[in-house]
N, C-alpha and C. Protein backbone atom coordinates (compact mmCIF):
# COMPACT_ATOMS: atom_id res chain seq x y z
N UNK A 1 0.22 21.08 65.03
CA UNK A 1 0.23 22.21 65.91
C UNK A 1 -0.62 23.41 65.53
N UNK A 2 -1.42 23.86 66.55
CA UNK A 2 -2.30 25.00 66.20
C UNK A 2 -1.63 26.35 66.35
N UNK A 3 -1.72 27.11 65.23
CA UNK A 3 -1.11 28.47 65.40
C UNK A 3 -2.04 29.55 65.83
N UNK A 4 -3.42 29.25 65.46
CA UNK A 4 -4.43 30.23 65.93
C UNK A 4 -5.38 29.80 66.87
N UNK A 5 -5.26 30.12 68.13
CA UNK A 5 -6.22 29.67 69.15
C UNK A 5 -7.41 30.49 69.19
N UNK A 6 -7.72 31.45 68.30
CA UNK A 6 -8.78 32.25 68.37
C UNK A 6 -10.17 31.55 68.41
N UNK A 7 -10.44 30.71 67.53
CA UNK A 7 -11.73 29.98 67.42
C UNK A 7 -12.03 29.21 68.83
N UNK A 8 -10.95 28.29 69.03
CA UNK A 8 -11.14 27.38 70.29
C UNK A 8 -11.34 28.29 71.51
N UNK A 9 -10.69 29.41 71.55
CA UNK A 9 -10.76 30.29 72.66
C UNK A 9 -12.13 30.95 72.82
N UNK A 10 -12.61 31.32 71.63
CA UNK A 10 -14.09 31.82 71.49
C UNK A 10 -15.08 30.77 71.90
N UNK A 11 -14.89 29.57 71.55
CA UNK A 11 -15.78 28.51 72.01
C UNK A 11 -15.69 28.27 73.55
N UNK A 12 -14.51 28.37 73.96
CA UNK A 12 -14.39 28.08 75.47
C UNK A 12 -14.93 29.26 76.30
N UNK A 13 -14.78 30.51 75.71
CA UNK A 13 -15.30 31.67 76.25
C UNK A 13 -16.84 31.48 76.46
N UNK A 14 -17.39 31.05 75.35
CA UNK A 14 -18.95 30.81 75.36
C UNK A 14 -19.21 29.78 76.45
N UNK A 15 -18.60 28.75 76.63
CA UNK A 15 -18.75 27.75 77.69
C UNK A 15 -18.62 28.30 79.07
N UNK A 16 -17.58 29.11 79.24
CA UNK A 16 -17.29 29.73 80.59
C UNK A 16 -18.46 30.71 80.88
N UNK A 17 -18.78 31.47 79.93
CA UNK A 17 -19.91 32.52 80.12
C UNK A 17 -21.11 31.84 80.60
N UNK A 18 -21.56 30.70 80.00
CA UNK A 18 -22.67 29.87 80.31
C UNK A 18 -22.68 29.36 81.67
N UNK A 19 -21.41 28.92 82.16
CA UNK A 19 -21.28 28.39 83.48
C UNK A 19 -21.48 29.46 84.43
N UNK A 20 -20.80 30.66 84.21
CA UNK A 20 -21.02 31.86 85.13
C UNK A 20 -22.50 32.30 85.21
N UNK A 21 -23.26 32.20 84.05
CA UNK A 21 -24.62 32.61 84.13
C UNK A 21 -25.42 31.71 84.91
N UNK A 22 -25.12 30.37 84.82
CA UNK A 22 -25.75 29.28 85.61
C UNK A 22 -25.51 29.51 87.06
N UNK A 23 -24.29 29.68 87.48
CA UNK A 23 -23.97 29.84 88.80
C UNK A 23 -24.67 31.05 89.45
N UNK A 24 -24.74 32.09 88.56
CA UNK A 24 -25.39 33.38 89.15
C UNK A 24 -26.88 33.18 89.41
N UNK A 25 -27.43 32.56 88.26
CA UNK A 25 -28.90 32.17 88.47
C UNK A 25 -29.25 31.39 89.63
N UNK A 26 -28.50 30.38 89.89
CA UNK A 26 -28.72 29.42 90.97
C UNK A 26 -28.44 30.25 92.27
N UNK A 27 -27.27 30.88 92.30
CA UNK A 27 -26.98 31.72 93.70
C UNK A 27 -27.98 32.86 93.91
N UNK A 28 -28.61 33.35 92.89
CA UNK A 28 -29.68 34.37 93.18
C UNK A 28 -30.82 33.84 93.89
N UNK A 29 -31.05 32.56 93.91
CA UNK A 29 -32.12 31.95 94.68
C UNK A 29 -33.42 31.89 93.79
N UNK A 30 -33.42 32.48 92.69
CA UNK A 30 -34.66 32.49 91.76
C UNK A 30 -34.89 31.23 91.09
N UNK A 31 -33.95 30.25 91.14
CA UNK A 31 -34.22 28.99 90.47
C UNK A 31 -34.01 27.80 91.46
N UNK A 32 -34.43 28.06 92.70
CA UNK A 32 -34.22 26.90 93.63
C UNK A 32 -34.86 25.63 93.32
N UNK A 33 -36.04 25.78 92.68
CA UNK A 33 -36.73 24.52 92.20
C UNK A 33 -36.10 23.76 91.19
N UNK A 34 -35.30 24.48 90.34
CA UNK A 34 -34.48 23.77 89.29
C UNK A 34 -33.08 23.85 89.48
N UNK A 35 -32.55 24.24 90.72
CA UNK A 35 -31.21 24.31 90.91
C UNK A 35 -30.37 23.07 90.60
N UNK A 36 -30.80 22.01 91.13
CA UNK A 36 -30.00 20.80 90.84
C UNK A 36 -29.87 20.45 89.33
N UNK A 37 -31.06 20.33 88.69
CA UNK A 37 -30.91 20.11 87.20
C UNK A 37 -30.04 21.11 86.42
N UNK A 38 -30.17 22.36 86.87
CA UNK A 38 -29.49 23.55 86.09
C UNK A 38 -28.04 23.33 86.34
N UNK A 39 -27.60 23.05 87.49
CA UNK A 39 -26.10 22.82 87.91
C UNK A 39 -25.60 21.57 87.25
N UNK A 40 -26.42 20.54 87.32
CA UNK A 40 -26.02 19.20 86.60
C UNK A 40 -25.75 19.62 85.14
N UNK A 41 -26.62 20.18 84.47
CA UNK A 41 -26.49 20.48 83.00
C UNK A 41 -25.31 21.33 82.80
N UNK A 42 -25.16 22.39 83.59
CA UNK A 42 -24.05 23.38 83.38
C UNK A 42 -22.70 22.81 83.67
N UNK A 43 -22.59 21.90 84.71
CA UNK A 43 -21.29 21.34 85.07
C UNK A 43 -20.99 20.24 84.16
N UNK A 44 -22.08 19.61 83.67
CA UNK A 44 -21.88 18.51 82.60
C UNK A 44 -21.29 19.05 81.34
N UNK A 45 -21.79 20.26 80.84
CA UNK A 45 -21.43 20.79 79.67
C UNK A 45 -19.92 21.28 79.81
N UNK A 46 -19.66 21.87 81.01
CA UNK A 46 -18.31 22.40 81.26
C UNK A 46 -17.37 21.21 81.24
N UNK A 47 -17.76 20.12 81.84
CA UNK A 47 -16.75 18.88 81.77
C UNK A 47 -16.55 18.46 80.33
N UNK A 48 -17.58 18.67 79.49
CA UNK A 48 -17.32 18.26 78.10
C UNK A 48 -16.38 19.19 77.47
N UNK A 49 -16.38 20.56 77.76
CA UNK A 49 -15.55 21.43 77.23
C UNK A 49 -14.06 21.25 77.86
N UNK A 50 -13.97 20.82 79.03
CA UNK A 50 -12.73 20.60 79.64
C UNK A 50 -12.08 19.34 79.04
N UNK A 51 -12.94 18.42 78.70
CA UNK A 51 -12.38 17.14 78.09
C UNK A 51 -11.80 17.45 76.69
N UNK A 52 -12.35 18.49 76.05
CA UNK A 52 -11.85 18.86 74.76
C UNK A 52 -10.53 19.50 74.93
N UNK A 53 -10.37 20.29 76.04
CA UNK A 53 -9.09 21.06 76.31
C UNK A 53 -8.11 20.01 76.61
N UNK A 54 -8.40 18.96 77.37
CA UNK A 54 -7.51 17.98 77.72
C UNK A 54 -7.04 17.17 76.49
N UNK A 55 -7.77 17.03 75.52
CA UNK A 55 -7.57 16.21 74.26
C UNK A 55 -6.69 16.97 73.34
N UNK A 56 -6.63 18.41 73.50
CA UNK A 56 -5.85 19.20 72.48
C UNK A 56 -4.34 19.00 72.81
N UNK A 57 -3.61 19.30 71.73
CA UNK A 57 -2.10 19.37 71.97
C UNK A 57 -1.89 20.51 73.04
N UNK A 58 -0.78 20.45 73.63
CA UNK A 58 -0.40 21.41 74.66
C UNK A 58 -0.39 22.80 74.03
N UNK A 59 -1.14 23.70 74.76
CA UNK A 59 -1.19 25.07 74.35
C UNK A 59 0.13 25.86 74.81
N UNK A 60 0.84 26.49 73.93
CA UNK A 60 2.18 26.98 74.43
C UNK A 60 2.00 28.55 74.14
N UNK A 61 1.93 29.32 75.16
CA UNK A 61 1.85 30.83 74.77
C UNK A 61 3.24 31.26 74.33
N UNK A 62 3.05 32.54 73.56
CA UNK A 62 4.29 33.03 73.04
C UNK A 62 5.28 33.52 74.03
N UNK A 63 4.73 34.17 75.12
CA UNK A 63 5.45 34.78 76.24
C UNK A 63 5.71 33.62 77.40
N UNK A 64 6.82 33.65 77.85
CA UNK A 64 7.18 32.72 78.99
C UNK A 64 6.46 33.09 80.33
N UNK A 65 6.11 34.31 80.56
CA UNK A 65 5.43 34.84 81.75
C UNK A 65 4.09 35.40 81.28
N UNK A 66 3.01 34.88 82.00
CA UNK A 66 1.73 35.54 81.68
C UNK A 66 1.58 37.10 82.22
N UNK A 67 0.86 37.83 81.37
CA UNK A 67 0.68 39.07 81.78
C UNK A 67 -0.37 39.06 83.01
N UNK A 68 -0.34 40.05 83.84
CA UNK A 68 -1.13 40.08 85.06
C UNK A 68 -2.56 40.40 84.54
N UNK A 69 -3.57 39.51 84.70
CA UNK A 69 -4.93 39.82 84.27
C UNK A 69 -5.63 40.77 85.25
N UNK A 70 -5.13 41.03 86.39
CA UNK A 70 -5.77 41.95 87.34
C UNK A 70 -6.20 41.16 88.56
N UNK A 71 -7.05 41.78 89.56
CA UNK A 71 -7.43 41.14 90.64
C UNK A 71 -8.23 39.96 90.33
N UNK A 72 -8.28 39.00 91.29
CA UNK A 72 -9.05 37.75 91.21
C UNK A 72 -10.55 38.17 91.47
N UNK A 73 -11.53 37.62 90.89
CA UNK A 73 -12.89 38.04 91.12
C UNK A 73 -13.34 37.65 92.63
N UNK A 74 -14.15 38.37 93.26
CA UNK A 74 -14.64 38.13 94.64
C UNK A 74 -15.97 37.29 94.42
N UNK A 75 -15.77 35.98 94.69
CA UNK A 75 -16.75 34.95 94.46
C UNK A 75 -17.34 34.45 95.84
N UNK A 76 -17.01 35.15 96.85
CA UNK A 76 -17.51 34.80 98.16
C UNK A 76 -18.98 34.85 98.32
N UNK A 77 -19.62 35.89 97.64
CA UNK A 77 -21.08 36.03 97.80
C UNK A 77 -21.81 34.85 97.08
N UNK A 78 -21.23 34.40 95.95
CA UNK A 78 -21.61 33.18 95.19
C UNK A 78 -21.58 31.87 96.06
N UNK A 79 -20.34 31.73 96.63
CA UNK A 79 -20.17 30.60 97.53
C UNK A 79 -21.10 30.59 98.68
N UNK A 80 -21.34 31.63 99.28
CA UNK A 80 -22.20 31.61 100.52
C UNK A 80 -23.55 31.49 100.20
N UNK A 81 -24.05 31.98 98.94
CA UNK A 81 -25.38 31.77 98.46
C UNK A 81 -25.69 30.36 98.15
N UNK A 82 -24.70 29.65 97.43
CA UNK A 82 -24.74 28.21 97.12
C UNK A 82 -24.76 27.40 98.38
N UNK A 83 -23.79 27.68 99.31
CA UNK A 83 -23.80 27.10 100.63
C UNK A 83 -25.16 27.02 101.36
N UNK A 84 -25.75 28.18 101.39
CA UNK A 84 -27.11 28.41 102.01
C UNK A 84 -28.10 27.73 101.28
N UNK A 85 -28.23 27.76 99.95
CA UNK A 85 -29.18 27.04 99.08
C UNK A 85 -29.14 25.58 99.24
N UNK A 86 -27.72 24.99 99.27
CA UNK A 86 -27.61 23.62 99.36
C UNK A 86 -27.77 23.09 100.85
N UNK A 87 -27.62 23.88 101.92
CA UNK A 87 -27.76 23.49 103.25
C UNK A 87 -26.96 22.37 103.58
N UNK A 88 -27.64 21.31 104.15
CA UNK A 88 -26.97 20.02 104.50
C UNK A 88 -26.43 19.19 103.41
N UNK A 89 -26.88 19.49 102.13
CA UNK A 89 -26.43 18.73 101.01
C UNK A 89 -25.04 19.16 100.44
N UNK A 90 -24.43 20.24 101.08
CA UNK A 90 -23.21 20.91 100.47
C UNK A 90 -22.03 19.90 100.66
N UNK A 91 -21.93 19.34 101.88
CA UNK A 91 -20.79 18.51 102.16
C UNK A 91 -20.92 16.97 101.64
N UNK A 92 -19.78 16.56 101.24
CA UNK A 92 -19.81 15.14 100.79
C UNK A 92 -18.43 14.38 101.05
N UNK A 93 -18.35 13.22 100.87
CA UNK A 93 -17.17 12.39 100.94
C UNK A 93 -16.51 12.33 99.53
N UNK A 94 -15.28 12.65 99.64
CA UNK A 94 -14.47 12.69 98.34
C UNK A 94 -13.22 11.79 98.50
N UNK A 95 -12.53 11.51 97.48
CA UNK A 95 -11.27 10.85 97.53
C UNK A 95 -10.22 11.83 97.26
N UNK A 96 -9.12 11.91 98.05
CA UNK A 96 -7.91 12.86 97.86
C UNK A 96 -7.37 12.60 96.51
N UNK A 97 -6.93 11.31 96.21
CA UNK A 97 -6.43 10.89 94.93
C UNK A 97 -6.82 9.55 94.71
N UNK A 98 -7.85 9.15 93.76
CA UNK A 98 -8.35 7.79 93.70
C UNK A 98 -7.31 6.84 93.07
N UNK A 99 -6.24 7.44 92.36
CA UNK A 99 -5.25 6.60 91.81
C UNK A 99 -4.15 6.28 92.82
N UNK A 100 -3.58 7.16 93.54
CA UNK A 100 -2.46 7.05 94.42
C UNK A 100 -2.77 6.71 95.82
N UNK A 101 -3.77 7.47 96.48
CA UNK A 101 -3.90 7.20 97.85
C UNK A 101 -5.16 6.65 98.22
N UNK A 102 -6.27 6.90 97.70
CA UNK A 102 -7.55 6.47 97.93
C UNK A 102 -8.12 6.92 99.27
N UNK A 103 -7.39 8.01 99.80
CA UNK A 103 -7.70 8.57 101.12
C UNK A 103 -9.12 9.32 101.07
N UNK A 104 -10.00 8.99 101.96
CA UNK A 104 -11.22 9.68 101.93
C UNK A 104 -11.03 11.05 102.72
N UNK A 105 -11.75 12.04 102.09
CA UNK A 105 -11.67 13.43 102.62
C UNK A 105 -12.93 14.15 102.41
N UNK A 106 -13.05 15.21 102.98
CA UNK A 106 -14.26 16.02 102.97
C UNK A 106 -14.36 16.85 101.65
N UNK A 107 -15.54 16.85 101.01
CA UNK A 107 -15.72 17.78 99.83
C UNK A 107 -16.87 18.70 100.09
N UNK A 108 -16.80 19.71 99.34
CA UNK A 108 -17.96 20.82 99.54
C UNK A 108 -18.35 21.07 98.04
N UNK A 109 -19.74 20.94 97.76
CA UNK A 109 -20.15 21.21 96.47
C UNK A 109 -20.03 22.75 96.19
N UNK A 110 -20.45 23.63 97.18
CA UNK A 110 -20.29 24.99 96.80
C UNK A 110 -18.87 25.52 96.62
N UNK A 111 -17.95 24.90 97.45
CA UNK A 111 -16.50 25.19 97.22
C UNK A 111 -15.99 24.76 95.87
N UNK A 112 -16.43 23.40 95.55
CA UNK A 112 -15.94 23.07 94.17
C UNK A 112 -16.59 23.93 93.05
N UNK A 113 -17.78 24.34 93.02
CA UNK A 113 -18.37 25.06 91.97
C UNK A 113 -17.68 26.51 91.89
N UNK A 114 -17.39 27.04 92.98
CA UNK A 114 -16.77 28.39 93.02
C UNK A 114 -15.19 28.27 92.71
N UNK A 115 -14.56 27.24 93.08
CA UNK A 115 -13.13 27.07 92.65
C UNK A 115 -13.02 26.82 91.18
N UNK A 116 -13.89 26.13 90.66
CA UNK A 116 -13.96 26.01 89.18
C UNK A 116 -14.21 27.36 88.52
N UNK A 117 -15.09 28.16 89.05
CA UNK A 117 -15.34 29.49 88.48
C UNK A 117 -14.09 30.39 88.61
N UNK A 118 -13.38 30.34 89.78
CA UNK A 118 -12.27 31.19 89.94
C UNK A 118 -11.22 30.83 88.86
N UNK A 119 -10.95 29.57 88.58
CA UNK A 119 -10.00 29.11 87.59
C UNK A 119 -10.38 29.64 86.17
N UNK A 120 -11.66 29.47 85.89
CA UNK A 120 -12.07 29.84 84.68
C UNK A 120 -12.08 31.30 84.46
N UNK A 121 -12.40 32.08 85.55
CA UNK A 121 -12.29 33.57 85.46
C UNK A 121 -10.95 34.02 85.12
N UNK A 122 -9.93 33.44 85.61
CA UNK A 122 -8.53 33.78 85.31
C UNK A 122 -8.30 33.76 83.79
N UNK A 123 -8.64 32.69 83.17
CA UNK A 123 -8.49 32.58 81.80
C UNK A 123 -9.48 33.51 80.90
N UNK A 124 -10.51 33.73 81.56
CA UNK A 124 -11.48 34.63 80.94
C UNK A 124 -10.99 36.03 80.88
N UNK A 125 -10.29 36.46 81.85
CA UNK A 125 -9.70 37.81 81.82
C UNK A 125 -8.60 37.93 80.76
N UNK A 126 -7.82 36.86 80.48
CA UNK A 126 -6.92 36.87 79.41
C UNK A 126 -7.80 36.97 78.06
N UNK A 127 -8.77 36.24 78.01
CA UNK A 127 -9.53 36.20 76.64
C UNK A 127 -10.13 37.56 76.35
N UNK A 128 -10.73 38.23 77.48
CA UNK A 128 -11.26 39.52 77.22
C UNK A 128 -10.31 40.52 77.00
N UNK A 129 -9.07 40.32 77.40
CA UNK A 129 -8.01 41.30 77.13
C UNK A 129 -7.41 41.11 75.74
N UNK A 130 -7.86 40.19 74.97
CA UNK A 130 -7.43 39.93 73.56
C UNK A 130 -6.29 39.03 73.49
N UNK A 131 -6.10 38.18 74.51
CA UNK A 131 -4.93 37.24 74.55
C UNK A 131 -5.53 35.80 74.51
N UNK A 132 -6.08 35.30 73.29
CA UNK A 132 -6.68 34.13 73.19
C UNK A 132 -5.75 32.89 73.59
N UNK A 133 -4.42 32.91 73.06
CA UNK A 133 -3.51 31.84 73.42
C UNK A 133 -3.26 31.77 74.80
N UNK A 134 -3.10 32.80 75.45
CA UNK A 134 -2.94 32.85 76.94
C UNK A 134 -4.07 32.31 77.77
N UNK A 135 -5.44 32.75 77.25
CA UNK A 135 -6.54 32.26 77.81
C UNK A 135 -6.60 30.57 77.71
N UNK A 136 -6.38 30.17 76.45
CA UNK A 136 -6.31 28.79 76.26
C UNK A 136 -5.31 28.06 77.06
N UNK A 137 -4.13 28.55 77.18
CA UNK A 137 -3.17 27.94 77.97
C UNK A 137 -3.62 27.85 79.43
N UNK A 138 -4.15 28.95 79.81
CA UNK A 138 -4.58 28.85 81.38
C UNK A 138 -5.74 27.97 81.51
N UNK A 139 -6.75 27.99 80.60
CA UNK A 139 -7.96 27.00 80.73
C UNK A 139 -7.43 25.56 80.68
N UNK A 140 -6.45 25.27 79.73
CA UNK A 140 -6.04 23.94 79.60
C UNK A 140 -5.35 23.44 80.90
N UNK A 141 -4.19 24.29 81.29
CA UNK A 141 -3.45 24.06 82.40
C UNK A 141 -4.37 23.96 83.65
N UNK A 142 -5.17 24.85 83.93
CA UNK A 142 -5.89 24.73 85.14
C UNK A 142 -7.03 23.52 85.11
N UNK A 143 -7.39 23.25 83.99
CA UNK A 143 -8.31 22.03 83.74
C UNK A 143 -7.52 20.73 84.22
N UNK A 144 -6.39 20.69 83.74
CA UNK A 144 -5.61 19.47 84.08
C UNK A 144 -5.08 19.35 85.53
N UNK A 145 -4.81 20.64 86.12
CA UNK A 145 -4.22 20.67 87.37
C UNK A 145 -5.26 20.99 88.51
N UNK A 146 -6.37 21.37 88.24
CA UNK A 146 -7.40 21.72 89.28
C UNK A 146 -8.87 21.65 88.97
N UNK A 147 -9.30 22.48 88.00
CA UNK A 147 -10.77 22.62 87.90
C UNK A 147 -11.42 21.39 87.29
N UNK A 148 -10.62 20.71 86.51
CA UNK A 148 -11.23 19.43 85.92
C UNK A 148 -11.62 18.36 86.89
N UNK A 149 -10.78 18.27 87.86
CA UNK A 149 -11.10 17.27 88.98
C UNK A 149 -12.26 17.91 89.78
N UNK A 150 -12.29 19.16 90.19
CA UNK A 150 -13.31 19.68 91.05
C UNK A 150 -14.57 19.58 90.18
N UNK A 151 -14.67 20.01 88.98
CA UNK A 151 -15.83 19.92 88.09
C UNK A 151 -16.33 18.47 88.12
N UNK A 152 -15.55 17.48 87.97
CA UNK A 152 -15.90 16.06 87.80
C UNK A 152 -16.44 15.63 89.21
N UNK A 153 -15.84 16.08 90.20
CA UNK A 153 -16.43 15.57 91.60
C UNK A 153 -17.85 16.40 91.80
N UNK A 154 -17.88 17.61 91.39
CA UNK A 154 -19.20 18.34 91.52
C UNK A 154 -20.26 17.63 90.60
N UNK A 155 -19.90 17.21 89.53
CA UNK A 155 -20.84 16.56 88.56
C UNK A 155 -21.30 15.25 89.25
N UNK A 156 -20.50 14.53 89.79
CA UNK A 156 -20.86 13.21 90.35
C UNK A 156 -21.73 13.43 91.64
N UNK A 157 -21.51 14.39 92.38
CA UNK A 157 -22.31 14.73 93.59
C UNK A 157 -23.63 15.39 93.03
N UNK A 158 -23.88 16.20 92.09
CA UNK A 158 -25.04 16.66 91.54
C UNK A 158 -25.87 15.58 90.97
N UNK A 159 -25.22 14.66 90.25
CA UNK A 159 -25.95 13.59 89.56
C UNK A 159 -26.50 12.59 90.76
N UNK A 160 -25.82 12.41 91.88
CA UNK A 160 -26.16 11.67 92.92
C UNK A 160 -27.33 12.30 93.66
N UNK A 161 -27.29 13.65 93.92
CA UNK A 161 -28.39 14.28 94.63
C UNK A 161 -29.54 14.28 93.86
N UNK A 162 -29.45 14.57 92.42
CA UNK A 162 -30.70 14.59 91.69
C UNK A 162 -31.24 13.15 91.57
N UNK A 163 -30.47 12.05 91.54
CA UNK A 163 -30.89 10.77 91.55
C UNK A 163 -31.70 10.43 92.78
N UNK A 164 -31.26 10.91 93.95
CA UNK A 164 -31.80 10.57 95.23
C UNK A 164 -33.23 11.42 95.17
N UNK A 165 -33.30 12.64 94.75
CA UNK A 165 -34.51 13.46 94.59
C UNK A 165 -35.58 12.77 93.83
N UNK A 166 -35.11 12.31 92.78
CA UNK A 166 -36.04 11.65 91.67
C UNK A 166 -36.43 10.25 92.04
N UNK A 167 -35.50 9.44 92.52
CA UNK A 167 -35.71 8.01 92.67
C UNK A 167 -36.08 7.59 94.04
N UNK A 168 -35.71 8.34 95.09
CA UNK A 168 -36.14 7.99 96.44
C UNK A 168 -37.49 8.53 96.88
N UNK A 169 -38.27 9.12 96.00
CA UNK A 169 -39.51 9.80 96.34
C UNK A 169 -40.49 8.64 96.69
N UNK A 170 -41.51 9.07 97.54
CA UNK A 170 -42.56 8.15 98.02
C UNK A 170 -43.33 7.79 96.72
N UNK A 171 -43.67 6.48 96.68
CA UNK A 171 -44.49 5.96 95.50
C UNK A 171 -45.75 6.58 95.35
N UNK A 172 -46.52 6.85 96.49
CA UNK A 172 -47.74 7.43 96.52
C UNK A 172 -47.71 8.86 95.99
N UNK A 173 -46.68 9.60 96.49
CA UNK A 173 -46.60 11.02 96.05
C UNK A 173 -46.23 11.13 94.55
N UNK A 174 -45.48 10.14 94.03
CA UNK A 174 -45.07 10.01 92.61
C UNK A 174 -46.28 9.93 91.74
N UNK A 175 -47.29 8.93 92.19
CA UNK A 175 -48.41 8.60 91.49
C UNK A 175 -49.36 9.89 91.54
N UNK A 176 -49.46 10.47 92.57
CA UNK A 176 -50.29 11.73 92.74
C UNK A 176 -49.76 12.75 91.68
N UNK A 177 -48.49 12.98 91.64
CA UNK A 177 -47.89 13.95 90.82
C UNK A 177 -48.10 13.56 89.37
N UNK A 178 -47.93 12.38 89.07
CA UNK A 178 -48.25 11.92 87.69
C UNK A 178 -49.63 12.11 87.28
N UNK A 179 -50.55 11.76 88.15
CA UNK A 179 -51.99 11.99 87.84
C UNK A 179 -52.32 13.34 87.63
N UNK A 180 -51.78 14.26 88.48
CA UNK A 180 -51.96 15.69 88.33
C UNK A 180 -51.53 16.20 87.15
N UNK A 181 -50.19 15.71 86.69
CA UNK A 181 -49.61 16.14 85.36
C UNK A 181 -50.48 15.72 84.20
N UNK A 182 -51.12 14.41 84.20
CA UNK A 182 -52.04 13.96 83.16
C UNK A 182 -53.26 14.77 83.04
N UNK A 183 -53.75 15.25 84.27
CA UNK A 183 -55.04 15.98 84.16
C UNK A 183 -54.82 17.48 84.20
N UNK A 184 -53.64 17.99 84.04
CA UNK A 184 -53.45 19.42 84.03
C UNK A 184 -54.13 20.01 82.88
N UNK A 185 -54.52 21.21 83.09
CA UNK A 185 -55.19 21.98 81.99
C UNK A 185 -54.05 22.76 81.25
N UNK A 186 -54.06 22.52 79.93
CA UNK A 186 -52.97 23.30 79.23
C UNK A 186 -53.57 24.41 78.44
């Protein structure tokens, strides 16, 4: 049993901060040429951090009720910017519960990315307020109950989109790009 969640919380804080920075960069529109690879990398790293949370023993905070971390962050600006950037690529088919129902439902990449951020922000508030155990409890609980699934869905969609971009390209255009890259002045 872990008595001091300080170091794991610090590590998770770094992962959460990196995810927030990537979302902000992509939502700003300044990285639209690299948006898919950047999001794929960021969500992939976050999924790895989440898997570590899931593998840990249950985090049990000292207090039965969590202190109020304050108002939830307003992430609507980020959601709308991502939705605009992704355009027709935002919506996808998802499974409600692949184990129990297998029912097909609608998913939204921008909604997933922002829902993950909202869950992470809640834990981040606890961490920044000096409550590392509470932060770890929240990050672990919300990973298992919500953001882990949303991040995994987003990762699959981002991977699929990037694969289509890279593999469905016209052979002639790919050859021209390769020749241009070979003859580029460095």
